[in-house]
Amino acid sequence: MADSVFTKIIKGEIPAYKIYENELTLAFLDSHPKQPGHVLVISKKETDHLWDLPDEDYFAVMGTSRKVANRLREVLHPARIAMQVEGLGVPHAHVHIFPFATPEEFHAVGRMDKPPDNAALKAMAEKLKFGGGENA
């Protein structure tokens, strides 16, 4: 089986705007965000379904998701933070964490018909990136 795009990001074969990393997880900006600050939290173990992860990896994804959500609240001050697991697009366990204020923002879809706005993504990554010893 070929590596997923997320496994290629973990291996450094594809660039990503990383904001947090530890031994078991990686968090980076979605290149086609629903809202500015849309982060993907992935397991470093390539598994199609989040629910199939071993407990240690599953709990690591949930712990990192919580850290990221709290970071979004601290830095962006949104009305709400969403967490979605939809399992579409990339066959690699992942969670979407993003800020929103309205039902329309919650249900928005990233614009895949346009190239990523790398300047905006880079600026957002600088705002959200965890400092100190939290990143591996």
N, C-alpha and C. Protein backbone atom coordinates (compact mmCIF):
# COMPACT_ATOMS: atom_id res chain seq x y z
N MET A 1 0.85 -1.19 0.00
CA MET A 1 0.00 0.00 0.00
C MET A 1 0.89 1.24 0.00
N ALA A 2 0.57 2.20 -0.84
CA ALA A 2 1.33 3.44 -0.92
C ALA A 2 1.06 4.31 0.30
N ASP A 3 2.07 5.09 0.68
CA ASP A 3 1.90 6.02 1.79
C ASP A 3 0.82 7.04 1.49
N SER A 4 0.05 7.40 2.52
CA SER A 4 -0.93 8.47 2.36
C SER A 4 -0.20 9.81 2.29
N VAL A 5 -0.89 10.84 1.83
CA VAL A 5 -0.30 12.17 1.78
C VAL A 5 0.14 12.60 3.18
N PHE A 6 -0.58 12.19 4.22
CA PHE A 6 -0.20 12.55 5.58
C PHE A 6 1.08 11.83 6.01
N THR A 7 1.25 10.58 5.61
CA THR A 7 2.49 9.87 5.92
C THR A 7 3.66 10.55 5.21
N LYS A 8 3.43 11.04 4.00
CA LYS A 8 4.48 11.76 3.28
C LYS A 8 4.82 13.06 4.00
N ILE A 9 3.83 13.71 4.60
CA ILE A 9 4.10 14.92 5.40
C ILE A 9 4.92 14.55 6.63
N ILE A 10 4.55 13.48 7.32
CA ILE A 10 5.30 13.02 8.50
C ILE A 10 6.75 12.75 8.13
N LYS A 11 6.97 12.11 6.99
CA LYS A 11 8.33 11.77 6.54
C LYS A 11 9.10 12.98 6.00
N GLY A 12 8.42 14.13 5.84
CA GLY A 12 9.08 15.30 5.29
C GLY A 12 9.18 15.32 3.78
N GLU A 13 8.45 14.43 3.12
CA GLU A 13 8.46 14.36 1.66
C GLU A 13 7.57 15.42 1.03
N ILE A 14 6.59 15.90 1.79
CA ILE A 14 5.67 16.95 1.35
C ILE A 14 5.69 18.02 2.43
N PRO A 15 5.81 19.29 2.06
CA PRO A 15 5.83 20.34 3.09
C PRO A 15 4.45 20.55 3.70
N ALA A 16 4.46 21.05 4.92
CA ALA A 16 3.22 21.39 5.62
C ALA A 16 3.53 22.49 6.62
N TYR A 17 2.50 23.24 6.98
CA TYR A 17 2.64 24.31 7.98
C TYR A 17 2.35 23.69 9.34
N LYS A 18 3.40 23.12 9.94
CA LYS A 18 3.27 22.42 11.21
C LYS A 18 3.17 23.40 12.36
N ILE A 19 2.29 23.06 13.32
CA ILE A 19 2.20 23.90 14.51
C ILE A 19 2.53 23.14 15.78
N TYR A 20 2.44 21.80 15.75
CA TYR A 20 2.74 21.01 16.94
C TYR A 20 3.11 19.60 16.50
N GLU A 21 4.05 19.01 17.23
CA GLU A 21 4.44 17.63 16.95
C GLU A 21 4.95 16.99 18.23
N ASN A 22 4.59 15.72 18.42
CA ASN A 22 5.18 14.93 19.48
C ASN A 22 5.47 13.55 18.91
N GLU A 23 5.81 12.62 19.76
CA GLU A 23 6.21 11.29 19.31
C GLU A 23 5.12 10.56 18.52
N LEU A 24 3.86 10.79 18.85
CA LEU A 24 2.76 10.03 18.25
C LEU A 24 1.87 10.81 17.32
N THR A 25 1.93 12.15 17.36
CA THR A 25 0.99 12.96 16.57
C THR A 25 1.69 14.13 15.89
N LEU A 26 0.99 14.69 14.93
CA LEU A 26 1.43 15.89 14.23
C LEU A 26 0.20 16.75 13.98
N ALA A 27 0.34 18.07 14.18
CA ALA A 27 -0.74 19.01 13.91
C ALA A 27 -0.22 20.05 12.92
N PHE A 28 -0.97 20.27 11.85
CA PHE A 28 -0.56 21.22 10.82
C PHE A 28 -1.80 21.86 10.21
N LEU A 29 -1.59 23.00 9.58
CA LEU A 29 -2.71 23.73 8.97
C LEU A 29 -3.24 23.00 7.75
N ASP A 30 -4.56 22.99 7.61
CA ASP A 30 -5.22 22.47 6.42
C ASP A 30 -4.90 23.45 5.28
N SER A 31 -4.43 22.94 4.15
CA SER A 31 -4.05 23.82 3.04
C SER A 31 -5.25 24.45 2.35
N HIS A 32 -6.44 23.93 2.59
CA HIS A 32 -7.69 24.49 2.06
C HIS A 32 -8.67 24.63 3.23
N PRO A 33 -8.41 25.59 4.10
CA PRO A 33 -9.16 25.67 5.36
C PRO A 33 -10.63 26.06 5.21
N LYS A 34 -11.46 25.50 6.11
CA LYS A 34 -12.86 25.93 6.23
C LYS A 34 -12.88 27.37 6.73
N GLN A 35 -12.00 27.63 7.72
CA GLN A 35 -11.85 28.95 8.34
C GLN A 35 -10.35 29.14 8.60
N PRO A 36 -9.88 30.38 8.65
CA PRO A 36 -8.48 30.59 9.02
C PRO A 36 -8.20 29.96 10.39
N GLY A 37 -7.12 29.20 10.47
CA GLY A 37 -6.79 28.50 11.70
C GLY A 37 -7.24 27.05 11.72
N HIS A 38 -7.73 26.54 10.60
CA HIS A 38 -8.17 25.15 10.48
C HIS A 38 -6.94 24.24 10.55
N VAL A 39 -6.91 23.38 11.57
CA VAL A 39 -5.76 22.50 11.82
C VAL A 39 -6.19 21.04 11.69
N LEU A 40 -5.30 20.24 11.14
CA LEU A 40 -5.48 18.79 11.10
C LEU A 40 -4.57 18.17 12.14
N VAL A 41 -5.11 17.30 12.95
CA VAL A 41 -4.32 16.55 13.93
C VAL A 41 -4.32 15.11 13.45
N ILE A 42 -3.12 14.58 13.24
CA ILE A 42 -3.02 13.22 12.70
C ILE A 42 -2.20 12.33 13.63
N SER A 43 -2.50 11.06 13.54
CA SER A 43 -1.68 10.05 14.18
C SER A 43 -0.49 9.79 13.28
N LYS A 44 0.66 9.57 13.86
CA LYS A 44 1.82 9.20 13.05
C LYS A 44 1.74 7.75 12.59
N LYS A 45 0.80 7.02 13.15
CA LYS A 45 0.55 5.64 12.72
C LYS A 45 -0.50 5.71 11.61
N GLU A 46 -0.16 5.22 10.44
CA GLU A 46 -1.10 5.28 9.32
C GLU A 46 -2.17 4.20 9.48
N THR A 47 -3.36 4.65 9.78
CA THR A 47 -4.54 3.80 9.94
C THR A 47 -5.71 4.55 9.32
N ASP A 48 -6.50 3.88 8.52
CA ASP A 48 -7.60 4.55 7.82
C ASP A 48 -8.65 5.12 8.76
N HIS A 49 -9.03 4.38 9.78
CA HIS A 49 -10.11 4.79 10.68
C HIS A 49 -9.56 5.16 12.04
N LEU A 50 -9.94 6.33 12.53
CA LEU A 50 -9.50 6.79 13.84
C LEU A 50 -9.81 5.75 14.91
N TRP A 51 -10.94 5.11 14.80
CA TRP A 51 -11.40 4.17 15.81
C TRP A 51 -10.59 2.88 15.82
N ASP A 52 -9.77 2.65 14.80
CA ASP A 52 -8.93 1.45 14.74
C ASP A 52 -7.55 1.66 15.34
N LEU A 53 -7.24 2.89 15.75
CA LEU A 53 -5.94 3.14 16.36
C LEU A 53 -5.81 2.41 17.69
N PRO A 54 -4.61 1.94 18.02
CA PRO A 54 -4.39 1.42 19.37
C PRO A 54 -4.69 2.53 20.38
N ASP A 55 -5.09 2.17 21.59
CA ASP A 55 -5.48 3.15 22.60
C ASP A 55 -4.45 4.27 22.77
N GLU A 56 -3.18 3.92 22.87
CA GLU A 56 -2.15 4.93 23.10
C GLU A 56 -2.17 6.00 22.00
N ASP A 57 -2.29 5.57 20.75
CA ASP A 57 -2.30 6.51 19.63
C ASP A 57 -3.60 7.31 19.58
N TYR A 58 -4.72 6.63 19.83
CA TYR A 58 -6.01 7.33 19.85
C TYR A 58 -6.02 8.43 20.91
N PHE A 59 -5.60 8.09 22.12
CA PHE A 59 -5.59 9.08 23.20
C PHE A 59 -4.58 10.19 22.91
N ALA A 60 -3.50 9.88 22.22
CA ALA A 60 -2.54 10.92 21.84
C ALA A 60 -3.17 11.90 20.85
N VAL A 61 -3.93 11.40 19.88
CA VAL A 61 -4.63 12.27 18.93
C VAL A 61 -5.62 13.17 19.67
N MET A 62 -6.37 12.59 20.60
CA MET A 62 -7.34 13.39 21.36
C MET A 62 -6.64 14.42 22.24
N GLY A 63 -5.53 14.05 22.85
CA GLY A 63 -4.77 14.99 23.68
C GLY A 63 -4.20 16.13 22.87
N THR A 64 -3.66 15.82 21.70
CA THR A 64 -3.13 16.86 20.83
C THR A 64 -4.26 17.74 20.32
N SER A 65 -5.41 17.15 20.01
CA SER A 65 -6.57 17.93 19.56
C SER A 65 -6.97 18.95 20.63
N ARG A 66 -6.96 18.52 21.87
CA ARG A 66 -7.29 19.44 22.96
C ARG A 66 -6.27 20.57 23.07
N LYS A 67 -4.98 20.24 22.98
CA LYS A 67 -3.93 21.26 23.02
C LYS A 67 -4.13 22.28 21.90
N VAL A 68 -4.40 21.78 20.69
CA VAL A 68 -4.59 22.65 19.54
C VAL A 68 -5.82 23.52 19.72
N ALA A 69 -6.92 22.94 20.18
CA ALA A 69 -8.15 23.72 20.40
C ALA A 69 -7.90 24.83 21.41
N ASN A 70 -7.21 24.51 22.49
CA ASN A 70 -6.90 25.53 23.48
C ASN A 70 -5.97 26.60 22.92
N ARG A 71 -5.05 26.21 22.06
CA ARG A 71 -4.15 27.18 21.42
C ARG A 71 -4.95 28.11 20.50
N LEU A 72 -5.89 27.57 19.74
CA LEU A 72 -6.74 28.39 18.87
C LEU A 72 -7.52 29.40 19.71
N ARG A 73 -8.07 28.94 20.83
CA ARG A 73 -8.83 29.84 21.71
C ARG A 73 -7.93 30.95 22.24
N GLU A 74 -6.74 30.59 22.67
CA GLU A 74 -5.80 31.55 23.25
C GLU A 74 -5.35 32.61 22.24
N VAL A 75 -5.06 32.17 21.03
CA VAL A 75 -4.48 33.07 20.03
C VAL A 75 -5.53 33.80 19.20
N LEU A 76 -6.58 33.10 18.78
CA LEU A 76 -7.56 33.67 17.84
C LEU A 76 -8.83 34.20 18.51
N HIS A 77 -9.12 33.77 19.71
CA HIS A 77 -10.31 34.22 20.46
C HIS A 77 -11.62 34.06 19.70
N PRO A 78 -11.85 32.88 19.10
CA PRO A 78 -13.10 32.67 18.37
C PRO A 78 -14.27 32.43 19.32
N ALA A 79 -15.48 32.52 18.77
CA ALA A 79 -16.67 32.22 19.56
C ALA A 79 -16.69 30.75 19.97
N ARG A 80 -16.30 29.86 19.07
CA ARG A 80 -16.31 28.42 19.31
C ARG A 80 -15.14 27.76 18.57
N ILE A 81 -14.83 26.54 19.03
CA ILE A 81 -13.85 25.68 18.35
C ILE A 81 -14.58 24.39 18.00
N ALA A 82 -14.46 23.96 16.75
CA ALA A 82 -15.08 22.72 16.30
C ALA A 82 -14.06 21.60 16.24
N MET A 83 -14.57 20.39 16.43
CA MET A 83 -13.78 19.18 16.22
C MET A 83 -14.60 18.26 15.35
N GLN A 84 -14.05 17.88 14.22
CA GLN A 84 -14.77 16.99 13.30
C GLN A 84 -13.90 15.80 12.93
N VAL A 85 -14.53 14.65 12.88
CA VAL A 85 -13.91 13.45 12.34
C VAL A 85 -14.85 12.98 11.24
N GLU A 86 -14.41 13.09 9.98
CA GLU A 86 -15.30 12.69 8.91
C GLU A 86 -14.75 11.56 8.07
N GLY A 87 -13.45 11.32 8.12
CA GLY A 87 -12.89 10.16 7.45
C GLY A 87 -12.91 10.17 5.94
N LEU A 88 -13.11 11.33 5.35
CA LEU A 88 -13.13 11.43 3.89
C LEU A 88 -11.83 12.08 3.42
N GLY A 89 -11.55 11.95 2.15
CA GLY A 89 -10.41 12.67 1.58
C GLY A 89 -9.09 11.96 1.68
N VAL A 90 -8.62 11.69 2.88
CA VAL A 90 -7.32 11.03 3.08
C VAL A 90 -7.53 9.82 3.97
N PRO A 91 -7.13 8.63 3.51
CA PRO A 91 -7.32 7.42 4.30
C PRO A 91 -6.25 7.29 5.39
N HIS A 92 -6.26 8.23 6.32
CA HIS A 92 -5.28 8.26 7.41
C HIS A 92 -5.97 8.95 8.58
N ALA A 93 -6.02 8.30 9.72
CA ALA A 93 -6.74 8.82 10.88
C ALA A 93 -6.38 10.27 11.16
N HIS A 94 -7.40 11.13 11.20
CA HIS A 94 -7.16 12.55 11.47
C HIS A 94 -8.42 13.22 12.01
N VAL A 95 -8.17 14.36 12.68
CA VAL A 95 -9.23 15.16 13.28
C VAL A 95 -9.07 16.58 12.77
N HIS A 96 -10.18 17.22 12.45
CA HIS A 96 -10.19 18.63 12.05
C HIS A 96 -10.53 19.47 13.28
N ILE A 97 -9.72 20.48 13.55
CA ILE A 97 -9.97 21.43 14.64
C ILE A 97 -9.99 22.82 13.98
N PHE A 98 -11.08 23.56 14.17
CA PHE A 98 -11.13 24.88 13.53
C PHE A 98 -12.03 25.84 14.31
N PRO A 99 -11.71 27.13 14.22
CA PRO A 99 -12.54 28.15 14.87
C PRO A 99 -13.77 28.44 14.02
N PHE A 100 -14.86 28.83 14.69
CA PHE A 100 -16.05 29.25 13.96
C PHE A 100 -16.95 30.08 14.86
N ALA A 101 -17.86 30.81 14.25
CA ALA A 101 -18.79 31.64 15.01
C ALA A 101 -20.24 31.41 14.60
N THR A 102 -20.46 30.90 13.39
CA THR A 102 -21.82 30.74 12.88
C THR A 102 -22.01 29.33 12.31
N PRO A 103 -23.25 28.89 12.16
CA PRO A 103 -23.48 27.59 11.51
C PRO A 103 -22.88 27.53 10.10
N GLU A 104 -22.92 28.66 9.39
CA GLU A 104 -22.37 28.70 8.04
C GLU A 104 -20.86 28.46 8.06
N GLU A 105 -20.17 29.05 9.03
CA GLU A 105 -18.72 28.83 9.15
C GLU A 105 -18.43 27.38 9.53
N PHE A 106 -19.25 26.81 10.41
CA PHE A 106 -19.05 25.42 10.81
C PHE A 106 -19.20 24.47 9.62
N HIS A 107 -20.19 24.73 8.78
CA HIS A 107 -20.49 23.84 7.66
C HIS A 107 -19.75 24.20 6.37
N ALA A 108 -18.91 25.21 6.41
CA ALA A 108 -18.17 25.64 5.21
C ALA A 108 -17.28 24.50 4.71
N VAL A 109 -16.94 24.59 3.44
CA VAL A 109 -16.05 23.63 2.81
C VAL A 109 -14.86 24.41 2.28
N GLY A 110 -13.66 23.88 2.50
CA GLY A 110 -12.46 24.53 1.96
C GLY A 110 -12.50 24.58 0.44
N ARG A 111 -11.98 25.64 -0.12
CA ARG A 111 -12.02 25.85 -1.58
C ARG A 111 -10.90 25.07 -2.26
N MET A 112 -11.20 23.85 -2.67
CA MET A 112 -10.21 22.99 -3.33
C MET A 112 -9.95 23.43 -4.77
N ASP A 113 -10.80 24.31 -5.30
CA ASP A 113 -10.64 24.76 -6.69
C ASP A 113 -9.62 25.89 -6.82
N LYS A 114 -9.09 26.35 -5.70
CA LYS A 114 -8.10 27.42 -5.70
C LYS A 114 -6.81 26.90 -5.07
N PRO A 115 -5.67 27.43 -5.52
CA PRO A 115 -4.42 27.00 -4.88
C PRO A 115 -4.36 27.51 -3.45
N PRO A 116 -3.60 26.84 -2.58
CA PRO A 116 -3.46 27.30 -1.20
C PRO A 116 -2.90 28.72 -1.16
N ASP A 117 -3.33 29.50 -0.18
CA ASP A 117 -2.81 30.84 0.05
C ASP A 117 -1.62 30.69 1.00
N ASN A 118 -0.45 30.43 0.44
CA ASN A 118 0.72 30.12 1.24
C ASN A 118 1.14 31.27 2.15
N ALA A 119 0.97 32.49 1.73
CA ALA A 119 1.32 33.62 2.59
C ALA A 119 0.43 33.65 3.84
N ALA A 120 -0.87 33.45 3.64
CA ALA A 120 -1.80 33.43 4.78
C ALA A 120 -1.53 32.23 5.68
N LEU A 121 -1.25 31.07 5.08
CA LEU A 121 -0.96 29.87 5.87
C LEU A 121 0.31 30.05 6.69
N LYS A 122 1.33 30.62 6.08
CA LYS A 122 2.59 30.84 6.80
C LYS A 122 2.38 31.80 7.97
N ALA A 123 1.65 32.87 7.75
CA ALA A 123 1.38 33.84 8.82
C ALA A 123 0.58 33.19 9.95
N MET A 124 -0.42 32.39 9.61
CA MET A 124 -1.22 31.72 10.62
C MET A 124 -0.37 30.70 11.39
N ALA A 125 0.47 29.96 10.69
CA ALA A 125 1.34 28.99 11.36
C ALA A 125 2.26 29.68 12.37
N GLU A 126 2.77 30.85 12.01
CA GLU A 126 3.63 31.59 12.94
C GLU A 126 2.86 32.00 14.19
N LYS A 127 1.60 32.36 14.02
CA LYS A 127 0.76 32.75 15.17
C LYS A 127 0.48 31.56 16.08
N LEU A 128 0.19 30.41 15.48
CA LEU A 128 -0.31 29.26 16.23
C LEU A 128 0.78 28.31 16.72
N LYS A 129 1.95 28.37 16.14
CA LYS A 129 3.01 27.41 16.45
C LYS A 129 3.33 27.42 17.95
N PHE A 130 3.41 26.22 18.49
CA PHE A 130 3.78 26.05 19.88
C PHE A 130 5.28 26.27 20.00
N GLY A 131 5.69 26.89 21.08
CA GLY A 131 7.12 27.14 21.29
C GLY A 131 7.69 26.20 22.33
N GLY A 132 8.95 26.37 22.61
CA GLY A 132 9.61 25.60 23.67
C GLY A 132 9.77 24.14 23.34
N GLY A 133 9.73 23.31 24.36
CA GLY A 133 10.01 21.89 24.22
C GLY A 133 8.82 21.04 23.84
N GLU A 134 7.70 21.64 23.50
CA GLU A 134 6.50 20.85 23.17
C GLU A 134 6.59 20.21 21.80
N ASN A 135 7.40 20.77 20.92
CA ASN A 135 7.54 20.19 19.58
C ASN A 135 8.73 19.27 19.56
N ALA A 136 8.58 18.11 18.93
CA ALA A 136 9.70 17.16 18.84
C ALA A 136 10.68 17.64 17.80
